C-alpha atoms as a PDB file:
ATOM      1  CA  UNK A   1      23.911 -25.087 -25.724  1.00  0.00           C
ATOM      2  CA  UNK A   2      21.408 -22.582 -24.325  1.00  0.00           C
ATOM      3  CA  UNK A   3      19.279 -23.923 -21.559  1.00  0.00           C
ATOM      4  CA  UNK A   4      17.288 -22.213 -18.841  1.00  0.00           C
ATOM      5  CA  UNK A   5      14.496 -24.214 -17.307  1.00  0.00           C
ATOM      6  CA  UNK A   6      12.322 -22.514 -14.713  1.00  0.00           C
ATOM      7  CA  UNK A   7       9.888 -24.395 -12.487  1.00  0.00           C
ATOM      8  CA  UNK A   8       7.595 -22.633 -10.013  1.00  0.00           C
ATOM      9  CA  UNK A   9       6.074 -24.158  -6.912  1.00  0.00           C
ATOM     10  CA  UNK A  10       4.299 -22.452  -4.056  1.00  0.00           C
ATOM     11  CA  UNK A  11       7.490 -21.837  -2.046  1.00  0.00           C
ATOM     12  CA  UNK A  12      10.257 -22.004  -4.629  1.00  0.00           C
ATOM     13  CA  UNK A  13      11.369 -21.050  -8.081  1.00  0.00           C
ATOM     14  CA  UNK A  14      13.901 -23.444  -9.537  1.00  0.00           C
ATOM     15  CA  UNK A  15      16.225 -22.883 -12.464  1.00  0.00           C
ATOM     16  CA  UNK A  16      18.453 -25.283 -14.346  1.00  0.00           C
ATOM     17  CA  UNK A  17      20.908 -23.413 -16.539  1.00  0.00           C
ATOM     18  CA  UNK A  18      24.297 -23.384 -18.229  1.00  0.00           C
ATOM     19  CA  UNK A  19      26.788 -20.824 -16.976  1.00  0.00           C
ATOM     20  CA  UNK A  20      26.543 -19.011 -20.323  1.00  0.00           C
ATOM     21  CA  UNK A  21      22.931 -18.134 -19.370  1.00  0.00           C
ATOM     22  CA  UNK A  22      23.695 -16.761 -15.913  1.00  0.00           C
ATOM     23  CA  UNK A  23      22.880 -13.149 -16.885  1.00  0.00           C
ATOM     24  CA  UNK A  24      19.337 -14.163 -17.866  1.00  0.00           C
ATOM     25  CA  UNK A  25      18.902 -16.153 -14.650  1.00  0.00           C
ATOM     26  CA  UNK A  26      20.154 -13.198 -12.551  1.00  0.00           C
ATOM     27  CA  UNK A  27      17.555 -10.892 -14.117  1.00  0.00           C
ATOM     28  CA  UNK A  28      14.789 -13.421 -13.458  1.00  0.00           C
ATOM     29  CA  UNK A  29      15.851 -13.818  -9.831  1.00  0.00           C
ATOM     30  CA  UNK A  30      15.698 -10.066  -9.273  1.00  0.00           C
ATOM     31  CA  UNK A  31      12.121 -10.025 -10.589  1.00  0.00           C
ATOM     32  CA  UNK A  32      11.049 -12.419  -7.833  1.00  0.00           C
ATOM     33  CA  UNK A  33      12.634 -10.861  -4.763  1.00  0.00           C
ATOM     34  CA  UNK A  34      10.740  -9.401  -1.856  1.00  0.00           C
ATOM     35  CA  UNK A  35      13.756  -8.842   0.362  1.00  0.00           C
ATOM     36  CA  UNK A  36      17.057  -7.059   0.007  1.00  0.00           C
ATOM     37  CA  UNK A  37      18.725  -9.696   2.204  1.00  0.00           C
ATOM     38  CA  UNK A  38      19.781 -12.719   0.145  1.00  0.00           C
ATOM     39  CA  UNK A  39      21.404 -15.828   1.552  1.00  0.00           C
ATOM     40  CA  UNK A  40      23.542 -17.803  -0.893  1.00  0.00           C
ATOM     41  CA  UNK A  41      24.038 -21.496  -0.187  1.00  0.00           C
ATOM     42  CA  UNK A  42      26.249 -23.846  -2.147  1.00  0.00           C
ATOM     43  CA  UNK A  43      29.498 -25.713  -1.913  1.00  0.00           C
ATOM     44  CA  UNK A  44      32.853 -24.068  -2.499  1.00  0.00           C
ATOM     45  CA  UNK A  45      33.126 -23.369  -6.225  1.00  0.00           C
ATOM     46  CA  UNK A  46      29.422 -23.830  -6.994  1.00  0.00           C
ATOM     47  CA  UNK A  47      29.113 -20.329  -8.439  1.00  0.00           C
ATOM     48  CA  UNK A  48      27.796 -18.126  -5.639  1.00  0.00           C
ATOM     49  CA  UNK A  49      30.114 -15.202  -6.396  1.00  0.00           C
ATOM     50  CA  UNK A  50      29.636 -15.710 -10.140  1.00  0.00           C
ATOM     51  CA  UNK A  51      25.865 -15.366  -9.667  1.00  0.00           C
ATOM     52  CA  UNK A  52      26.350 -12.309  -7.460  1.00  0.00           C
ATOM     53  CA  UNK A  53      28.471 -10.751 -10.199  1.00  0.00           C
ATOM     54  CA  UNK A  54      25.688 -11.385 -12.742  1.00  0.00           C
ATOM     55  CA  UNK A  55      23.140  -9.892 -10.343  1.00  0.00           C
ATOM     56  CA  UNK A  56      25.255  -6.751  -9.937  1.00  0.00           C
ATOM     57  CA  UNK A  57      25.384  -6.419 -13.711  1.00  0.00           C
ATOM     58  CA  UNK A  58      21.585  -6.820 -13.886  1.00  0.00           C
ATOM     59  CA  UNK A  59      21.275  -4.110 -11.198  1.00  0.00           C
ATOM     60  CA  UNK A  60      23.274  -1.710 -13.420  1.00  0.00           C
ATOM     61  CA  UNK A  61      26.398  -1.735 -11.274  1.00  0.00           C
ATOM     62  CA  UNK A  62      29.747  -1.201 -12.959  1.00  0.00           C
ATOM     63  CA  UNK A  63      31.478  -3.007 -10.079  1.00  0.00           C
ATOM     64  CA  UNK A  64      32.769  -6.542 -10.409  1.00  0.00           C
ATOM     65  CA  UNK A  65      32.077  -8.960  -7.565  1.00  0.00           C
ATOM     66  CA  UNK A  66      35.009 -10.747  -6.022  1.00  0.00           C
ATOM     67  CA  UNK A  67      34.915 -13.215  -3.192  1.00  0.00           C
ATOM     68  CA  UNK A  68      35.209 -11.450   0.177  1.00  0.00           C
ATOM     69  CA  UNK A  69      36.584 -14.585   1.871  1.00  0.00           C
ATOM     70  CA  UNK A  70      39.504 -12.695   3.411  1.00  0.00           C
ATOM     71  CA  UNK A  71      37.997  -9.238   3.751  1.00  0.00           C
ATOM     72  CA  UNK A  72      34.650 -10.643   5.052  1.00  0.00           C
ATOM     73  CA  UNK A  73      32.695  -7.864   3.270  1.00  0.00           C
ATOM     74  CA  UNK A  74      32.899  -6.092  -0.092  1.00  0.00           C
ATOM     75  CA  UNK A  75      30.844  -3.044  -1.006  1.00  0.00           C
ATOM     76  CA  UNK A  76      29.497  -2.475  -4.518  1.00  0.00           C
ATOM     77  CA  UNK A  77      27.817   0.661  -5.840  1.00  0.00           C
ATOM     78  CA  UNK A  78      24.450   0.680  -7.606  1.00  0.00           C
ATOM     79  CA  UNK A  79      22.934   3.722  -9.331  1.00  0.00           C
ATOM     80  CA  UNK A  80      20.748   4.558  -6.284  1.00  0.00           C
ATOM     81  CA  UNK A  81      21.868   2.072  -3.639  1.00  0.00           C
ATOM     82  CA  UNK A  82      24.695  -0.231  -2.641  1.00  0.00           C
ATOM     83  CA  UNK A  83      25.297  -3.928  -2.046  1.00  0.00           C
ATOM     84  CA  UNK A  84      27.189  -5.377   0.895  1.00  0.00           C
ATOM     85  CA  UNK A  85      28.549  -8.807  -0.058  1.00  0.00           C
ATOM     86  CA  UNK A  86      29.586 -10.980   2.887  1.00  0.00           C
ATOM     87  CA  UNK A  87      31.455 -14.257   3.019  1.00  0.00           C
ATOM     88  CA  UNK A  88      31.292 -15.869   6.445  1.00  0.00           C
ATOM     89  CA  UNK A  89      33.340 -18.940   5.523  1.00  0.00           C
ATOM     90  CA  UNK A  90      36.206 -17.950   7.834  1.00  0.00           C
ATOM     91  CA  UNK A  91      34.022 -16.585  10.659  1.00  0.00           C
ATOM     92  CA  UNK A  92      34.200 -18.992  13.565  1.00  0.00           C
ATOM     93  CA  UNK A  93      31.683 -17.444  15.955  1.00  0.00           C
ATOM     94  CA  UNK A  94      28.771 -15.063  16.026  1.00  0.00           C
ATOM     95  CA  UNK A  95      30.877 -12.783  18.238  1.00  0.00           C
ATOM     96  CA  UNK A  96      33.242 -12.186  15.303  1.00  0.00           C
ATOM     97  CA  UNK A  97      30.288 -10.962  13.240  1.00  0.00           C
ATOM     98  CA  UNK A  98      29.182  -8.675  16.067  1.00  0.00           C
ATOM     99  CA  UNK A  99      32.735  -7.335  16.416  1.00  0.00           C
ATOM    100  CA  UNK A 100      32.739  -5.900  12.886  1.00  0.00           C
ATOM    101  CA  UNK A 101      29.211  -4.494  13.233  1.00  0.00           C
ATOM    102  CA  UNK A 102      27.029  -6.965  11.320  1.00  0.00           C
ATOM    103  CA  UNK A 103      23.885  -5.603  12.966  1.00  0.00           C
ATOM    104  CA  UNK A 104      24.544  -2.161  11.460  1.00  0.00           C
ATOM    105  CA  UNK A 105      24.760  -3.691   7.986  1.00  0.00           C
ATOM    106  CA  UNK A 106      21.617  -5.794   8.486  1.00  0.00           C
ATOM    107  CA  UNK A 107      19.581  -2.726   9.481  1.00  0.00           C
ATOM    108  CA  UNK A 108      21.020  -0.431   6.785  1.00  0.00           C
ATOM    109  CA  UNK A 109      18.223  -0.909   4.204  1.00  0.00           C
ATOM    110  CA  UNK A 110      20.871  -1.624   1.561  1.00  0.00           C
ATOM    111  CA  UNK A 111      21.215  -4.880  -0.342  1.00  0.00           C
ATOM    112  CA  UNK A 112      22.885  -7.629   1.692  1.00  0.00           C
ATOM    113  CA  UNK A 113      24.265 -10.706  -0.087  1.00  0.00           C
ATOM    114  CA  UNK A 114      25.574 -13.365   2.301  1.00  0.00           C
ATOM    115  CA  UNK A 115      27.632 -16.418   1.430  1.00  0.00           C
ATOM    116  CA  UNK A 116      27.894 -19.125   4.127  1.00  0.00           C
ATOM    117  CA  UNK A 117      24.927 -17.658   6.083  1.00  0.00           C
ATOM    118  CA  UNK A 118      24.642 -20.705   8.349  1.00  0.00           C
ATOM    119  CA  UNK A 119      27.581 -19.288  10.347  1.00  0.00           C
ATOM    120  CA  UNK A 120      25.370 -16.429  11.604  1.00  0.00           C
ATOM    121  CA  UNK A 121      21.909 -17.962  11.193  1.00  0.00           C
ATOM    122  CA  UNK A 122      20.653 -16.885  14.618  1.00  0.00           C
ATOM    123  CA  UNK A 123      20.824 -13.168  13.752  1.00  0.00           C
ATOM    124  CA  UNK A 124      19.574 -13.200  10.157  1.00  0.00           C
ATOM    125  CA  UNK A 125      16.374 -11.264   9.421  1.00  0.00           C
ATOM    126  CA  UNK A 126      13.255 -13.415   9.049  1.00  0.00           C
ATOM    127  CA  UNK A 127      12.473 -11.797   5.690  1.00  0.00           C
ATOM    128  CA  UNK A 128      15.724 -13.062   4.130  1.00  0.00           C
ATOM    129  CA  UNK A 129      15.385 -15.043   0.938  1.00  0.00           C
ATOM    130  CA  UNK A 130      17.566 -18.045   0.180  1.00  0.00           C
ATOM    131  CA  UNK A 131      19.288 -18.985  -3.057  1.00  0.00           C
ATOM    132  CA  UNK A 132      20.726 -22.491  -3.171  1.00  0.00           C
ATOM    133  CA  UNK A 133      23.085 -23.395  -6.014  1.00  0.00           C
ATOM    134  CA  UNK A 134      24.014 -26.962  -6.920  1.00  0.00           C
ATOM    135  CA  UNK A 135      26.770 -27.703  -9.404  1.00  0.00           C
ATOM    136  CA  UNK A 136      25.801 -30.192 -12.106  1.00  0.00           C
ATOM    137  CA  UNK A 137      27.725 -31.680 -15.040  1.00  0.00           C
ATOM    138  CA  UNK A 138      28.907 -29.788 -18.134  1.00  0.00           C
ATOM    139  CA  UNK A 139      28.944 -26.253 -16.641  1.00  0.00           C
ATOM    140  CA  UNK A 140      25.309 -26.547 -15.578  1.00  0.00           C
ATOM    141  CA  UNK A 141      23.823 -25.362 -12.320  1.00  0.00           C
ATOM    142  CA  UNK A 142      20.592 -25.936 -10.489  1.00  0.00           C
ATOM    143  CA  UNK A 143      19.360 -22.953  -8.512  1.00  0.00           C
ATOM    144  CA  UNK A 144      16.487 -22.731  -6.060  1.00  0.00           C
ATOM    145  CA  UNK A 145      15.092 -19.382  -4.872  1.00  0.00           C
ATOM    146  CA  UNK A 146      12.942 -19.724  -1.788  1.00  0.00           C
ATOM    147  CA  UNK A 147       9.940 -17.424  -1.842  1.00  0.00           C
ATOM    148  CA  UNK A 148       9.257 -15.728   1.472  1.00  0.00           C
ATOM    149  CA  UNK A 149       5.592 -16.545   2.028  1.00  0.00           C
ATOM    150  CA  UNK A 150       5.289 -14.303   5.076  1.00  0.00           C
ATOM    151  CA  UNK A 151       5.007 -11.211   2.924  1.00  0.00           C
ATOM    152  CA  UNK A 152       3.898 -12.224  -0.545  1.00  0.00           C
ATOM    153  CA  UNK A 153       1.930 -14.708  -2.530  1.00  0.00           C
ATOM    154  CA  UNK A 154       3.169 -16.663  -5.508  1.00  0.00           C
ATOM    155  CA  UNK A 155       1.079 -14.504  -7.827  1.00  0.00           C
ATOM    156  CA  UNK A 156       2.530 -11.160  -6.824  1.00  0.00           C
ATOM    157  CA  UNK A 157       6.018 -12.667  -6.524  1.00  0.00           C
ATOM    158  CA  UNK A 158       5.833 -13.286 -10.240  1.00  0.00           C
ATOM    159  CA  UNK A 159       4.389  -9.970 -11.398  1.00  0.00           C
ATOM    160  CA  UNK A 160       5.082  -7.057  -9.052  1.00  0.00           C
ATOM    161  CA  UNK A 161       8.535  -5.395  -9.196  1.00  0.00           C
ATOM    162  CA  UNK A 162       9.782  -4.948  -5.626  1.00  0.00           C
ATOM    163  CA  UNK A 163      12.786  -2.635  -5.952  1.00  0.00           C
END
């Protein structure tokens, strides 16, 4: 069953979709971004890394996303850029993040995808955008993309390519 439902509000874009439609949802998300720092929220197994993999595909990367739970960060190549994919699930303090140089990554002007961002919330850039995934029944997901109102309006979020 194909199903992608998109609902726009002033601060959010919400999608309800089946996993078979994740590539379409990833492309739509990329159209609405105004930041290269994305925070992925969701329970273990909700599909954060699966969505990141679909986003890489939509960004013309030949890399395949894998969960960086044990390595903390994975790097993926794009045609003219790169993505740093973090998983802070095992990080127990902000000092651990500082010890491997998180501030250098955050100021690199490359794409930053962060799973479990609440572990380092005090150092995240204000312009970060949040994606929250909720697992539903029958391989369905609900996804909410928070629009960063500090730097764009709903109208240009929907029509102006950012990257």
